[in-house]
Amino acid sequence: MGDENLKKTLDQVISDEETKASHWAFIVKLVFFVLLAAPLSFFLIWHYLQSPLADFPITEQFVITPGSGLIEIAEQSKAAGLVRSKYLLLAELTLGNKQQTVKAGAYYFTESLTTAELAEVFFIGNPNGDLIRVTHIEGESAKSFAMRASVTLPNFSTTEFISLNSTNEGFLFPDTYFVSKDYDAIKFTDLLLTTFADKTQVLKEQSEGHALVWDEIIILASILEREANSEESKKMVSGILQNRLRLGMALQADATIEYVLDKPLSLLTAADLEIDSPYNTYLYNGLPPTAIGNPGLKAIEAVILPIESAYYFYITGRDGNFYYAKNFDEHRENIARYLR
């Protein structure tokens, strides 16, 4: 009986040793496989991420504006469908620049490029894609912008731009744009409308539940751009004009008459205030039918978040400061004191 137990014990030891050897053999094979597969996997992934996209935007324009950072360029390239991975492009631009810098400008591609090839193009630059600086001023009308843009852009038609944007006043985002010299009225219209939608998305969400709908907010903001001259005055005047709207009072904003007559505020006469037009906020209560210019973010924000007060009147004094009044008698006193 003892010999039999000893034999069983020896058999168990041998079995355990064989199991351990089998486990070690498996681990060795696994490590060998990982060491072999890892570089191959990395190469395949890298090759896939580097390869051009099937719908690479050939012949379309891609713009790098002066002052753009590498992260911004990588993100914009990904959004434009130029690369599969913005991180890989960022690595190429950061580690592979060889003391070069990315060149601002407008880029056109005649063939699909890998990420590495795209980075190299950005370092070389596009000598035929120099950008032209065009500024759309806050509060400016579509007509005014069109007249200025046509001076610097040879393919830009003033009449075409005005026609295209007959119903877009207020929604053409004011900003400084860097565009290629071939930009025309159609391309610029699309750029201005797209930029407006992107830049005002958060404010539009914040406006939900406001007494004014979005279009009305833009109309009032366009009035603020011409009636006020600072962030604080915009918010104050916004609160005053919204007080008047709630009571059904006429806004009596000179800027709306300036818009319809295309005449500077300083040249408006008493007769001009009698013009029969829906834009005459002396004769017609409520907001004018459209915006009277294209407001910036601060003016739109001032409509959504005005400074609330008991004031119903305001003037801009000869010193450029604003003076507010709760009633017409106080308003007349301010006029006598600060305007005469």
C-alpha atoms as a PDB file:
ATOM      1  CA  MET A   1       0.000   0.000   0.000  1.00  0.00           C
ATOM      2  CA  GLY A   2       2.877   2.336   0.684  1.00  0.00           C
ATOM      3  CA  ASP A   3       4.481   1.686  -2.679  1.00  0.00           C
ATOM      4  CA  GLU A   4       1.225   2.443  -4.408  1.00  0.00           C
ATOM      5  CA  ASN A   5       0.864   5.810  -2.633  1.00  0.00           C
ATOM      6  CA  LEU A   6       4.439   6.688  -3.495  1.00  0.00           C
ATOM      7  CA  LYS A   7       3.781   5.885  -7.147  1.00  0.00           C
ATOM      8  CA  LYS A   8       0.670   8.105  -7.147  1.00  0.00           C
ATOM      9  CA  THR A   9       2.631  10.935  -5.587  1.00  0.00           C
ATOM     10  CA  LEU A  10       5.393  10.635  -8.190  1.00  0.00           C
ATOM     11  CA  ASP A  11       2.826  10.554 -10.992  1.00  0.00           C
ATOM     12  CA  GLN A  12       1.202  13.736  -9.603  1.00  0.00           C
ATOM     13  CA  VAL A  13       4.531  15.536  -9.397  1.00  0.00           C
ATOM     14  CA  ILE A  14       5.379  14.575 -12.969  1.00  0.00           C
ATOM     15  CA  SER A  15       1.927  15.732 -14.131  1.00  0.00           C
ATOM     16  CA  ASP A  16       2.330  19.084 -12.332  1.00  0.00           C
ATOM     17  CA  GLU A  17       5.736  19.588 -13.880  1.00  0.00           C
ATOM     18  CA  GLU A  18       4.407  18.804 -17.325  1.00  0.00           C
ATOM     19  CA  THR A  19       1.542  21.277 -16.766  1.00  0.00           C
ATOM     20  CA  LYS A  20       3.973  23.985 -15.666  1.00  0.00           C
ATOM     21  CA  ALA A  21       6.164  23.315 -18.677  1.00  0.00           C
ATOM     22  CA  SER A  22       3.103  23.498 -20.921  1.00  0.00           C
ATOM     23  CA  HIS A  23       2.091  26.825 -19.347  1.00  0.00           C
ATOM     24  CA  TRP A  24       5.561  28.264 -19.770  1.00  0.00           C
ATOM     25  CA  ALA A  25       5.646  27.114 -23.378  1.00  0.00           C
ATOM     26  CA  PHE A  26       2.298  28.871 -23.956  1.00  0.00           C
ATOM     27  CA  ILE A  27       3.558  32.065 -22.324  1.00  0.00           C
ATOM     28  CA  VAL A  28       6.730  32.017 -24.401  1.00  0.00           C
ATOM     29  CA  LYS A  29       4.703  31.535 -27.595  1.00  0.00           C
ATOM     30  CA  LEU A  30       2.304  34.321 -26.536  1.00  0.00           C
ATOM     31  CA  VAL A  31       5.136  36.757 -25.823  1.00  0.00           C
ATOM     32  CA  PHE A  32       6.758  35.867 -29.126  1.00  0.00           C
ATOM     33  CA  PHE A  33       3.457  36.419 -30.951  1.00  0.00           C
ATOM     34  CA  VAL A  34       2.877  39.796 -29.267  1.00  0.00           C
ATOM     35  CA  LEU A  35       6.407  40.935 -30.036  1.00  0.00           C
ATOM     36  CA  LEU A  36       5.920  39.927 -33.637  1.00  0.00           C
ATOM     37  CA  ALA A  37       2.350  41.177 -34.012  1.00  0.00           C
ATOM     38  CA  ALA A  38       2.713  44.550 -32.254  1.00  0.00           C
ATOM     39  CA  PRO A  39       5.001  46.129 -34.854  1.00  0.00           C
ATOM     40  CA  LEU A  40       2.901  44.657 -37.644  1.00  0.00           C
ATOM     41  CA  SER A  41      -0.306  45.982 -36.068  1.00  0.00           C
ATOM     42  CA  PHE A  42       1.262  49.384 -35.520  1.00  0.00           C
ATOM     43  CA  PHE A  43       2.409  49.481 -39.136  1.00  0.00           C
ATOM     44  CA  LEU A  44      -1.045  48.517 -40.432  1.00  0.00           C
ATOM     45  CA  ILE A  45      -2.798  51.109 -38.239  1.00  0.00           C
ATOM     46  CA  TRP A  46      -0.274  53.797 -39.130  1.00  0.00           C
ATOM     47  CA  HIS A  47      -0.588  52.958 -42.827  1.00  0.00           C
ATOM     48  CA  TYR A  48      -4.396  53.115 -42.595  1.00  0.00           C
ATOM     49  CA  LEU A  49      -4.414  56.466 -40.788  1.00  0.00           C
ATOM     50  CA  GLN A  50      -1.820  57.900 -43.173  1.00  0.00           C
ATOM     51  CA  SER A  51      -3.642  56.814 -46.334  1.00  0.00           C
ATOM     52  CA  PRO A  52      -5.808  59.374 -48.189  1.00  0.00           C
ATOM     53  CA  LEU A  53      -9.546  59.437 -47.628  1.00  0.00           C
ATOM     54  CA  ALA A  54     -11.732  58.105 -50.419  1.00  0.00           C
ATOM     55  CA  ASP A  55     -13.637  61.406 -50.537  1.00  0.00           C
ATOM     56  CA  PHE A  56     -10.589  63.659 -50.194  1.00  0.00           C
ATOM     57  CA  PRO A  57     -11.824  67.170 -51.196  1.00  0.00           C
ATOM     58  CA  ILE A  58     -10.055  67.591 -54.540  1.00  0.00           C
ATOM     59  CA  THR A  59     -10.431  71.079 -56.141  1.00  0.00           C
ATOM     60  CA  GLU A  60     -12.102  72.470 -52.998  1.00  0.00           C
ATOM     61  CA  GLN A  61     -10.525  75.344 -51.107  1.00  0.00           C
ATOM     62  CA  PHE A  62      -9.018  74.898 -47.653  1.00  0.00           C
ATOM     63  CA  VAL A  63      -7.949  78.070 -45.843  1.00  0.00           C
ATOM     64  CA  ILE A  64      -5.326  78.463 -43.124  1.00  0.00           C
ATOM     65  CA  THR A  65      -5.675  81.937 -41.680  1.00  0.00           C
ATOM     66  CA  PRO A  66      -2.690  83.874 -40.310  1.00  0.00           C
ATOM     67  CA  GLY A  67      -2.061  83.128 -36.653  1.00  0.00           C
ATOM     68  CA  SER A  68      -3.727  79.702 -36.682  1.00  0.00           C
ATOM     69  CA  GLY A  69      -2.231  77.252 -34.186  1.00  0.00           C
ATOM     70  CA  LEU A  70      -1.220  73.703 -35.070  1.00  0.00           C
ATOM     71  CA  ILE A  71      -4.044  72.182 -33.016  1.00  0.00           C
ATOM     72  CA  GLU A  72      -6.575  74.405 -34.786  1.00  0.00           C
ATOM     73  CA  ILE A  73      -5.147  73.487 -38.199  1.00  0.00           C
ATOM     74  CA  ALA A  74      -5.287  69.775 -37.368  1.00  0.00           C
ATOM     75  CA  GLU A  75      -8.898  70.041 -36.175  1.00  0.00           C
ATOM     76  CA  GLN A  76      -9.965  72.027 -39.240  1.00  0.00           C
ATOM     77  CA  SER A  77      -8.220  69.538 -41.542  1.00  0.00           C
ATOM     78  CA  LYS A  78     -10.115  66.675 -39.918  1.00  0.00           C
ATOM     79  CA  ALA A  79     -13.423  68.561 -40.208  1.00  0.00           C
ATOM     80  CA  ALA A  80     -12.727  69.326 -43.890  1.00  0.00           C
ATOM     81  CA  GLY A  81     -12.127  65.653 -44.671  1.00  0.00           C
ATOM     82  CA  LEU A  82      -8.413  66.029 -45.410  1.00  0.00           C
ATOM     83  CA  VAL A  83      -7.190  63.470 -42.870  1.00  0.00           C
ATOM     84  CA  ARG A  84      -8.419  60.446 -40.944  1.00  0.00           C
ATOM     85  CA  SER A  85      -6.763  61.439 -37.678  1.00  0.00           C
ATOM     86  CA  LYS A  86      -6.180  64.969 -36.470  1.00  0.00           C
ATOM     87  CA  TYR A  87      -3.728  63.588 -33.912  1.00  0.00           C
ATOM     88  CA  LEU A  88      -1.536  62.023 -36.582  1.00  0.00           C
ATOM     89  CA  LEU A  89      -1.504  65.285 -38.565  1.00  0.00           C
ATOM     90  CA  LEU A  90      -0.663  67.205 -35.397  1.00  0.00           C
ATOM     91  CA  ALA A  91       2.238  64.809 -34.804  1.00  0.00           C
ATOM     92  CA  GLU A  92       3.469  65.325 -38.379  1.00  0.00           C
ATOM     93  CA  LEU A  93       3.237  69.110 -38.020  1.00  0.00           C
ATOM     94  CA  THR A  94       4.872  69.116 -34.595  1.00  0.00           C
ATOM     95  CA  LEU A  95       7.614  66.494 -34.912  1.00  0.00           C
ATOM     96  CA  GLY A  96       8.330  66.549 -38.611  1.00  0.00           C
ATOM     97  CA  ASN A  97       8.544  70.264 -39.242  1.00  0.00           C
ATOM     98  CA  LYS A  98      12.357  70.402 -39.480  1.00  0.00           C
ATOM     99  CA  GLN A  99      12.317  74.001 -38.250  1.00  0.00           C
ATOM    100  CA  GLN A 100       9.711  74.915 -40.879  1.00  0.00           C
ATOM    101  CA  THR A 101       6.466  76.742 -40.192  1.00  0.00           C
ATOM    102  CA  VAL A 102       3.009  76.197 -41.605  1.00  0.00           C
ATOM    103  CA  LYS A 103       2.176  78.766 -44.290  1.00  0.00           C
ATOM    104  CA  ALA A 104      -1.143  80.611 -44.091  1.00  0.00           C
ATOM    105  CA  GLY A 105      -3.093  80.784 -47.314  1.00  0.00           C
ATOM    106  CA  ALA A 106      -5.738  79.150 -49.474  1.00  0.00           C
ATOM    107  CA  TYR A 107      -4.945  75.599 -50.573  1.00  0.00           C
ATOM    108  CA  TYR A 108      -6.339  73.714 -53.562  1.00  0.00           C
ATOM    109  CA  PHE A 109      -5.637  70.019 -54.078  1.00  0.00           C
ATOM    110  CA  THR A 110      -5.523  68.288 -57.446  1.00  0.00           C
ATOM    111  CA  GLU A 111      -5.001  64.805 -55.953  1.00  0.00           C
ATOM    112  CA  SER A 112      -5.565  62.906 -52.739  1.00  0.00           C
ATOM    113  CA  LEU A 113      -2.741  63.198 -50.212  1.00  0.00           C
ATOM    114  CA  THR A 114      -1.505  61.139 -47.298  1.00  0.00           C
ATOM    115  CA  THR A 115      -1.231  62.843 -43.935  1.00  0.00           C
ATOM    116  CA  ALA A 116       2.532  63.177 -44.289  1.00  0.00           C
ATOM    117  CA  GLU A 117       2.178  64.638 -47.780  1.00  0.00           C
ATOM    118  CA  LEU A 118      -0.460  67.090 -46.560  1.00  0.00           C
ATOM    119  CA  ALA A 119       1.822  68.283 -43.747  1.00  0.00           C
ATOM    120  CA  GLU A 120       4.612  68.825 -46.248  1.00  0.00           C
ATOM    121  CA  VAL A 121       2.281  70.904 -48.463  1.00  0.00           C
ATOM    122  CA  PHE A 122       1.387  73.045 -45.457  1.00  0.00           C
ATOM    123  CA  PHE A 123       5.094  73.648 -44.811  1.00  0.00           C
ATOM    124  CA  ILE A 124       5.799  74.557 -48.439  1.00  0.00           C
ATOM    125  CA  GLY A 125       2.743  76.785 -48.769  1.00  0.00           C
ATOM    126  CA  ASN A 126       0.634  77.694 -51.770  1.00  0.00           C
ATOM    127  CA  PRO A 127       2.143  80.673 -53.596  1.00  0.00           C
ATOM    128  CA  ASN A 128      -1.003  81.050 -55.687  1.00  0.00           C
ATOM    129  CA  GLY A 129      -3.279  80.999 -52.677  1.00  0.00           C
ATOM    130  CA  ASP A 130      -2.451  84.279 -50.965  1.00  0.00           C
ATOM    131  CA  LEU A 131      -5.302  85.530 -48.826  1.00  0.00           C
ATOM    132  CA  ILE A 132      -7.064  88.868 -48.940  1.00  0.00           C
ATOM    133  CA  ARG A 133      -8.213  90.438 -45.676  1.00  0.00           C
ATOM    134  CA  VAL A 134     -11.860  91.580 -45.740  1.00  0.00           C
ATOM    135  CA  THR A 135     -13.561  92.972 -42.629  1.00  0.00           C
ATOM    136  CA  HIS A 136     -17.314  93.000 -42.167  1.00  0.00           C
ATOM    137  CA  ILE A 137     -17.923  95.683 -39.524  1.00  0.00           C
ATOM    138  CA  GLU A 138     -20.345  95.051 -36.647  1.00  0.00           C
ATOM    139  CA  GLY A 139     -23.671  96.725 -37.386  1.00  0.00           C
ATOM    140  CA  GLU A 140     -22.846  97.192 -41.060  1.00  0.00           C
ATOM    141  CA  SER A 141     -25.552  96.543 -43.654  1.00  0.00           C
ATOM    142  CA  ALA A 142     -25.231  94.002 -46.452  1.00  0.00           C
ATOM    143  CA  LYS A 143     -25.136  96.845 -48.990  1.00  0.00           C
ATOM    144  CA  SER A 144     -22.319  98.662 -47.223  1.00  0.00           C
ATOM    145  CA  PHE A 145     -20.265  95.486 -46.925  1.00  0.00           C
ATOM    146  CA  ALA A 146     -20.830  94.612 -50.574  1.00  0.00           C
ATOM    147  CA  MET A 147     -19.585  97.993 -51.749  1.00  0.00           C
ATOM    148  CA  ARG A 148     -16.357  97.648 -49.753  1.00  0.00           C
ATOM    149  CA  ALA A 149     -15.737  93.985 -50.586  1.00  0.00           C
ATOM    150  CA  SER A 150     -16.035  94.648 -54.319  1.00  0.00           C
ATOM    151  CA  VAL A 151     -13.077  97.038 -54.106  1.00  0.00           C
ATOM    152  CA  THR A 152     -10.631  94.328 -52.983  1.00  0.00           C
ATOM    153  CA  LEU A 153     -12.142  91.190 -54.563  1.00  0.00           C
ATOM    154  CA  PRO A 154     -12.054  91.254 -58.383  1.00  0.00           C
ATOM    155  CA  ASN A 155     -14.771  88.577 -58.823  1.00  0.00           C
ATOM    156  CA  PHE A 156     -17.133  90.043 -56.220  1.00  0.00           C
ATOM    157  CA  SER A 157     -20.348  91.617 -57.597  1.00  0.00           C
ATOM    158  CA  THR A 158     -22.064  94.216 -55.383  1.00  0.00           C
ATOM    159  CA  THR A 159     -25.444  93.845 -57.095  1.00  0.00           C
ATOM    160  CA  GLU A 160     -25.320  90.049 -56.952  1.00  0.00           C
ATOM    161  CA  PHE A 161     -24.425  90.041 -53.263  1.00  0.00           C
ATOM    162  CA  ILE A 162     -27.248  92.463 -52.401  1.00  0.00           C
ATOM    163  CA  SER A 163     -29.697  90.366 -54.428  1.00  0.00           C
ATOM    164  CA  LEU A 164     -28.588  87.116 -52.795  1.00  0.00           C
ATOM    165  CA  ASN A 165     -28.974  88.599 -49.313  1.00  0.00           C
ATOM    166  CA  SER A 166     -32.229  90.510 -49.674  1.00  0.00           C
ATOM    167  CA  THR A 167     -33.662  88.388 -46.841  1.00  0.00           C
ATOM    168  CA  ASN A 168     -30.438  87.712 -44.932  1.00  0.00           C
ATOM    169  CA  GLU A 169     -29.862  91.116 -43.341  1.00  0.00           C
ATOM    170  CA  GLY A 170     -28.828  90.506 -39.740  1.00  0.00           C
ATOM    171  CA  PHE A 171     -27.547  86.985 -40.367  1.00  0.00           C
ATOM    172  CA  LEU A 172     -24.285  87.839 -42.155  1.00  0.00           C
ATOM    173  CA  PHE A 173     -21.762  87.512 -39.366  1.00  0.00           C
ATOM    174  CA  PRO A 174     -19.465  90.527 -38.923  1.00  0.00           C
ATOM    175  CA  ASP A 175     -15.832  89.541 -38.550  1.00  0.00           C
ATOM    176  CA  THR A 176     -12.443  89.761 -40.247  1.00  0.00           C
ATOM    177  CA  TYR A 177     -12.161  87.150 -42.978  1.00  0.00           C
ATOM    178  CA  PHE A 178      -9.147  85.934 -44.916  1.00  0.00           C
ATOM    179  CA  VAL A 179     -10.298  84.699 -48.302  1.00  0.00           C
ATOM    180  CA  SER A 180      -8.723  83.845 -51.643  1.00  0.00           C
ATOM    181  CA  LYS A 181      -8.796  86.440 -54.410  1.00  0.00           C
ATOM    182  CA  ASP A 182     -11.304  84.405 -56.439  1.00  0.00           C
ATOM    183  CA  TYR A 183     -14.039  84.782 -53.797  1.00  0.00           C
ATOM    184  CA  ASP A 184     -17.304  85.928 -55.334  1.00  0.00           C
ATOM    185  CA  ALA A 185     -20.714  86.967 -53.979  1.00  0.00           C
ATOM    186  CA  ILE A 186     -21.964  83.384 -53.727  1.00  0.00           C
ATOM    187  CA  LYS A 187     -18.932  82.072 -51.845  1.00  0.00           C
ATOM    188  CA  PHE A 188     -18.889  85.008 -49.450  1.00  0.00           C
ATOM    189  CA  THR A 189     -22.613  84.725 -48.775  1.00  0.00           C
ATOM    190  CA  ASP A 190     -22.167  81.082 -47.825  1.00  0.00           C
ATOM    191  CA  LEU A 191     -19.174  81.940 -45.610  1.00  0.00           C
ATOM    192  CA  LEU A 192     -21.025  84.722 -43.760  1.00  0.00           C
ATOM    193  CA  LEU A 193     -24.189  82.670 -43.197  1.00  0.00           C
ATOM    194  CA  THR A 194     -22.273  79.579 -42.078  1.00  0.00           C
ATOM    195  CA  THR A 195     -20.114  81.607 -39.698  1.00  0.00           C
ATOM    196  CA  PHE A 196     -23.209  83.263 -38.227  1.00  0.00           C
ATOM    197  CA  ALA A 197     -24.846  79.882 -37.566  1.00  0.00           C
ATOM    198  CA  ASP A 198     -21.679  78.543 -35.920  1.00  0.00           C
ATOM    199  CA  LYS A 199     -20.891  81.617 -33.812  1.00  0.00           C
ATOM    200  CA  THR A 200     -24.430  82.211 -32.528  1.00  0.00           C
ATOM    201  CA  GLN A 201     -25.440  78.626 -31.789  1.00  0.00           C
ATOM    202  CA  VAL A 202     -24.921  78.948 -28.025  1.00  0.00           C
ATOM    203  CA  LEU A 203     -26.726  82.302 -27.866  1.00  0.00           C
ATOM    204  CA  LYS A 204     -29.639  80.901 -29.847  1.00  0.00           C
ATOM    205  CA  GLU A 205     -29.968  78.095 -27.314  1.00  0.00           C
ATOM    206  CA  GLN A 206     -29.826  80.634 -24.469  1.00  0.00           C
ATOM    207  CA  SER A 207     -32.616  82.654 -26.101  1.00  0.00           C
ATOM    208  CA  GLU A 208     -35.180  79.878 -25.728  1.00  0.00           C
ATOM    209  CA  GLY A 209     -38.043  81.154 -23.600  1.00  0.00           C
ATOM    210  CA  HIS A 210     -37.255  84.809 -24.327  1.00  0.00           C
ATOM    211  CA  ALA A 211     -40.197  87.140 -24.982  1.00  0.00           C
ATOM    212  CA  LEU A 212     -38.774  87.787 -28.458  1.00  0.00           C
ATOM    213  CA  VAL A 213     -38.267  85.019 -31.016  1.00  0.00           C
ATOM    214  CA  TRP A 214     -34.824  84.565 -32.583  1.00  0.00           C
ATOM    215  CA  ASP A 215     -35.490  86.741 -35.669  1.00  0.00           C
ATOM    216  CA  GLU A 216     -36.789  89.542 -33.439  1.00  0.00           C
ATOM    217  CA  ILE A 217     -33.729  89.253 -31.202  1.00  0.00           C
ATOM    218  CA  ILE A 218     -31.504  89.769 -34.242  1.00  0.00           C
ATOM    219  CA  ILE A 219     -33.561  92.778 -35.371  1.00  0.00           C
ATOM    220  CA  LEU A 220     -33.292  94.444 -31.968  1.00  0.00           C
ATOM    221  CA  ALA A 221     -29.584  93.600 -31.765  1.00  0.00           C
ATOM    222  CA  SER A 222     -29.023  95.322 -35.114  1.00  0.00           C
ATOM    223  CA  ILE A 223     -30.646  98.464 -33.703  1.00  0.00           C
ATOM    224  CA  LEU A 224     -28.431  98.321 -30.604  1.00  0.00           C
ATOM    225  CA  GLU A 225     -25.306  98.224 -32.801  1.00  0.00           C
ATOM    226  CA  ARG A 226     -26.194 101.675 -34.136  1.00  0.00           C
ATOM    227  CA  GLU A 227     -27.893 103.182 -31.104  1.00  0.00           C
ATOM    228  CA  ALA A 228     -25.294 102.257 -28.452  1.00  0.00           C
ATOM    229  CA  ASN A 229     -21.506 102.497 -28.335  1.00  0.00           C
ATOM    230  CA  SER A 230     -20.311 100.132 -25.595  1.00  0.00           C
ATOM    231  CA  GLU A 231     -21.152  96.780 -24.053  1.00  0.00           C
ATOM    232  CA  GLU A 232     -22.798  98.439 -21.042  1.00  0.00           C
ATOM    233  CA  SER A 233     -24.785 100.964 -23.088  1.00  0.00           C
ATOM    234  CA  LYS A 234     -26.007  98.172 -25.371  1.00  0.00           C
ATOM    235  CA  LYS A 235     -27.385  96.294 -22.386  1.00  0.00           C
ATOM    236  CA  MET A 236     -28.959  99.449 -20.927  1.00  0.00           C
ATOM    237  CA  VAL A 237     -30.532 100.534 -24.210  1.00  0.00           C
ATOM    238  CA  SER A 238     -31.688  96.960 -24.785  1.00  0.00           C
ATOM    239  CA  GLY A 239     -33.547  96.985 -21.472  1.00  0.00           C
ATOM    240  CA  ILE A 240     -35.113 100.363 -22.284  1.00  0.00           C
ATOM    241  CA  LEU A 241     -36.272  99.344 -25.756  1.00  0.00           C
ATOM    242  CA  GLN A 242     -37.709  96.100 -24.392  1.00  0.00           C
ATOM    243  CA  ASN A 243     -39.555  98.135 -21.746  1.00  0.00           C
ATOM    244  CA  ARG A 244     -41.076 100.179 -24.552  1.00  0.00           C
ATOM    245  CA  LEU A 245     -42.005  97.096 -26.547  1.00  0.00           C
ATOM    246  CA  ARG A 246     -43.815  95.590 -23.564  1.00  0.00           C
ATOM    247  CA  LEU A 247     -45.913  98.766 -23.185  1.00  0.00           C
ATOM    248  CA  GLY A 248     -46.578  99.096 -26.917  1.00  0.00           C
ATOM    249  CA  MET A 249     -44.603 102.353 -27.109  1.00  0.00           C
ATOM    250  CA  ALA A 250     -42.880 103.384 -30.319  1.00  0.00           C
ATOM    251  CA  LEU A 251     -39.150 102.648 -30.198  1.00  0.00           C
ATOM    252  CA  GLN A 252     -38.280 106.020 -31.765  1.00  0.00           C
ATOM    253  CA  ALA A 253     -34.861 104.791 -32.854  1.00  0.00           C
ATOM    254  CA  ASP A 254     -33.160 107.134 -35.315  1.00  0.00           C
ATOM    255  CA  ALA A 255     -31.041 104.257 -36.585  1.00  0.00           C
ATOM    256  CA  THR A 256     -33.990 102.607 -38.332  1.00  0.00           C
ATOM    257  CA  ILE A 257     -34.637 105.773 -40.353  1.00  0.00           C
ATOM    258  CA  GLU A 258     -30.949 106.065 -41.119  1.00  0.00           C
ATOM    259  CA  TYR A 259     -31.150 102.552 -42.593  1.00  0.00           C
ATOM    260  CA  VAL A 260     -34.115 103.114 -44.863  1.00  0.00           C
ATOM    261  CA  LEU A 261     -32.845 106.506 -46.101  1.00  0.00           C
ATOM    262  CA  ASP A 262     -29.219 105.338 -46.272  1.00  0.00           C
ATOM    263  CA  LYS A 263     -28.312 108.576 -44.540  1.00  0.00           C
ATOM    264  CA  PRO A 264     -25.931 109.202 -41.595  1.00  0.00           C
ATOM    265  CA  LEU A 265     -27.520 109.943 -38.227  1.00  0.00           C
ATOM    266  CA  SER A 266     -25.849 113.327 -38.068  1.00  0.00           C
ATOM    267  CA  LEU A 267     -27.664 114.407 -41.247  1.00  0.00           C
ATOM    268  CA  LEU A 268     -31.184 113.336 -40.308  1.00  0.00           C
ATOM    269  CA  THR A 269     -33.726 116.158 -40.244  1.00  0.00           C
ATOM    270  CA  ALA A 270     -37.091 116.619 -38.554  1.00  0.00           C
ATOM    271  CA  ALA A 271     -38.722 115.960 -41.936  1.00  0.00           C
ATOM    272  CA  ASP A 272     -36.920 112.628 -42.193  1.00  0.00           C
ATOM    273  CA  LEU A 273     -38.672 111.504 -39.024  1.00  0.00           C
ATOM    274  CA  GLU A 274     -41.999 111.783 -40.866  1.00  0.00           C
ATOM    275  CA  ILE A 275     -41.151 109.404 -43.709  1.00  0.00           C
ATOM    276  CA  ASP A 276     -43.886 106.831 -44.229  1.00  0.00           C
ATOM    277  CA  SER A 277     -42.022 103.558 -43.952  1.00  0.00           C
ATOM    278  CA  PRO A 278     -42.407 100.438 -41.792  1.00  0.00           C
ATOM    279  CA  TYR A 279     -38.819 101.152 -40.745  1.00  0.00           C
ATOM    280  CA  ASN A 280     -39.884 104.479 -39.226  1.00  0.00           C
ATOM    281  CA  THR A 281     -40.058 103.533 -35.560  1.00  0.00           C
ATOM    282  CA  TYR A 282     -41.444 106.981 -34.742  1.00  0.00           C
ATOM    283  CA  LEU A 283     -44.621 106.338 -36.760  1.00  0.00           C
ATOM    284  CA  TYR A 284     -44.944 102.570 -36.379  1.00  0.00           C
ATOM    285  CA  ASN A 285     -44.876 100.715 -33.076  1.00  0.00           C
ATOM    286  CA  GLY A 286     -42.900  97.546 -32.614  1.00  0.00           C
ATOM    287  CA  LEU A 287     -39.821  96.335 -34.418  1.00  0.00           C
ATOM    288  CA  PRO A 288     -39.040  97.125 -38.067  1.00  0.00           C
ATOM    289  CA  PRO A 289     -39.701  94.296 -40.561  1.00  0.00           C
ATOM    290  CA  THR A 290     -36.041  93.242 -40.813  1.00  0.00           C
ATOM    291  CA  ALA A 291     -32.709  93.867 -39.184  1.00  0.00           C
ATOM    292  CA  ILE A 292     -31.056  97.155 -40.144  1.00  0.00           C
ATOM    293  CA  GLY A 293     -27.549  95.732 -40.166  1.00  0.00           C
ATOM    294  CA  ASN A 294     -25.587  92.716 -39.009  1.00  0.00           C
ATOM    295  CA  PRO A 295     -25.025  92.614 -35.246  1.00  0.00           C
ATOM    296  CA  GLY A 296     -22.090  91.123 -33.409  1.00  0.00           C
ATOM    297  CA  LEU A 297     -22.214  88.712 -30.481  1.00  0.00           C
ATOM    298  CA  LYS A 298     -22.212  91.413 -27.771  1.00  0.00           C
ATOM    299  CA  ALA A 299     -25.284  93.109 -29.242  1.00  0.00           C
ATOM    300  CA  ILE A 300     -27.155  89.806 -29.516  1.00  0.00           C
ATOM    301  CA  GLU A 301     -26.184  88.932 -25.957  1.00  0.00           C
ATOM    302  CA  ALA A 302     -27.416  92.358 -24.821  1.00  0.00           C
ATOM    303  CA  VAL A 303     -30.892  91.535 -26.120  1.00  0.00           C
ATOM    304  CA  ILE A 304     -30.958  88.160 -24.386  1.00  0.00           C
ATOM    305  CA  LEU A 305     -29.431  89.476 -21.135  1.00  0.00           C
ATOM    306  CA  PRO A 306     -30.317  93.189 -20.877  1.00  0.00           C
ATOM    307  CA  ILE A 307     -29.816  95.437 -17.877  1.00  0.00           C
ATOM    308  CA  GLU A 308     -33.291  95.789 -16.425  1.00  0.00           C
ATOM    309  CA  SER A 309     -34.295  99.250 -15.222  1.00  0.00           C
ATOM    310  CA  ALA A 310     -37.249 101.603 -14.827  1.00  0.00           C
ATOM    311  CA  TYR A 311     -36.019 103.785 -17.721  1.00  0.00           C
ATOM    312  CA  TYR A 312     -37.969 104.393 -20.929  1.00  0.00           C
ATOM    313  CA  PHE A 313     -35.846 107.100 -22.571  1.00  0.00           C
ATOM    314  CA  TYR A 314     -32.185 107.635 -23.430  1.00  0.00           C
ATOM    315  CA  ILE A 315     -29.954 110.062 -25.277  1.00  0.00           C
ATOM    316  CA  THR A 316     -26.300 110.203 -26.224  1.00  0.00           C
ATOM    317  CA  GLY A 317     -24.895 113.486 -24.951  1.00  0.00           C
ATOM    318  CA  ARG A 318     -22.417 115.721 -26.727  1.00  0.00           C
ATOM    319  CA  ASP A 319     -19.733 114.095 -24.559  1.00  0.00           C
ATOM    320  CA  GLY A 320     -20.575 110.627 -25.904  1.00  0.00           C
ATOM    321  CA  ASN A 321     -22.060 109.432 -22.633  1.00  0.00           C
ATOM    322  CA  PHE A 322     -25.558 107.999 -22.262  1.00  0.00           C
ATOM    323  CA  TYR A 323     -28.234 109.621 -20.121  1.00  0.00           C
ATOM    324  CA  TYR A 324     -31.396 107.822 -19.128  1.00  0.00           C
ATOM    325  CA  ALA A 325     -34.837 108.957 -17.993  1.00  0.00           C
ATOM    326  CA  LYS A 326     -37.884 107.337 -16.422  1.00  0.00           C
ATOM    327  CA  ASN A 327     -40.415 109.695 -17.994  1.00  0.00           C
ATOM    328  CA  PHE A 328     -40.707 112.301 -20.739  1.00  0.00           C
ATOM    329  CA  ASP A 329     -40.134 115.267 -18.404  1.00  0.00           C
ATOM    330  CA  GLU A 330     -36.792 113.822 -17.273  1.00  0.00           C
ATOM    331  CA  HIS A 331     -36.004 113.063 -20.896  1.00  0.00           C
ATOM    332  CA  ARG A 332     -36.559 116.711 -21.898  1.00  0.00           C
ATOM    333  CA  GLU A 333     -34.327 117.839 -19.059  1.00  0.00           C
ATOM    334  CA  ASN A 334     -31.548 115.533 -20.286  1.00  0.00           C
ATOM    335  CA  ILE A 335     -31.940 116.915 -23.809  1.00  0.00           C
ATOM    336  CA  ALA A 336     -31.696 120.491 -22.568  1.00  0.00           C
ATOM    337  CA  ARG A 337     -28.707 119.710 -20.383  1.00  0.00           C
ATOM    338  CA  TYR A 338     -26.629 117.397 -22.563  1.00  0.00           C
ATOM    339  CA  LEU A 339     -27.593 118.146 -26.157  1.00  0.00           C
ATOM    340  CA  ARG A 340     -28.034 121.929 -26.315  1.00  0.00           C
END
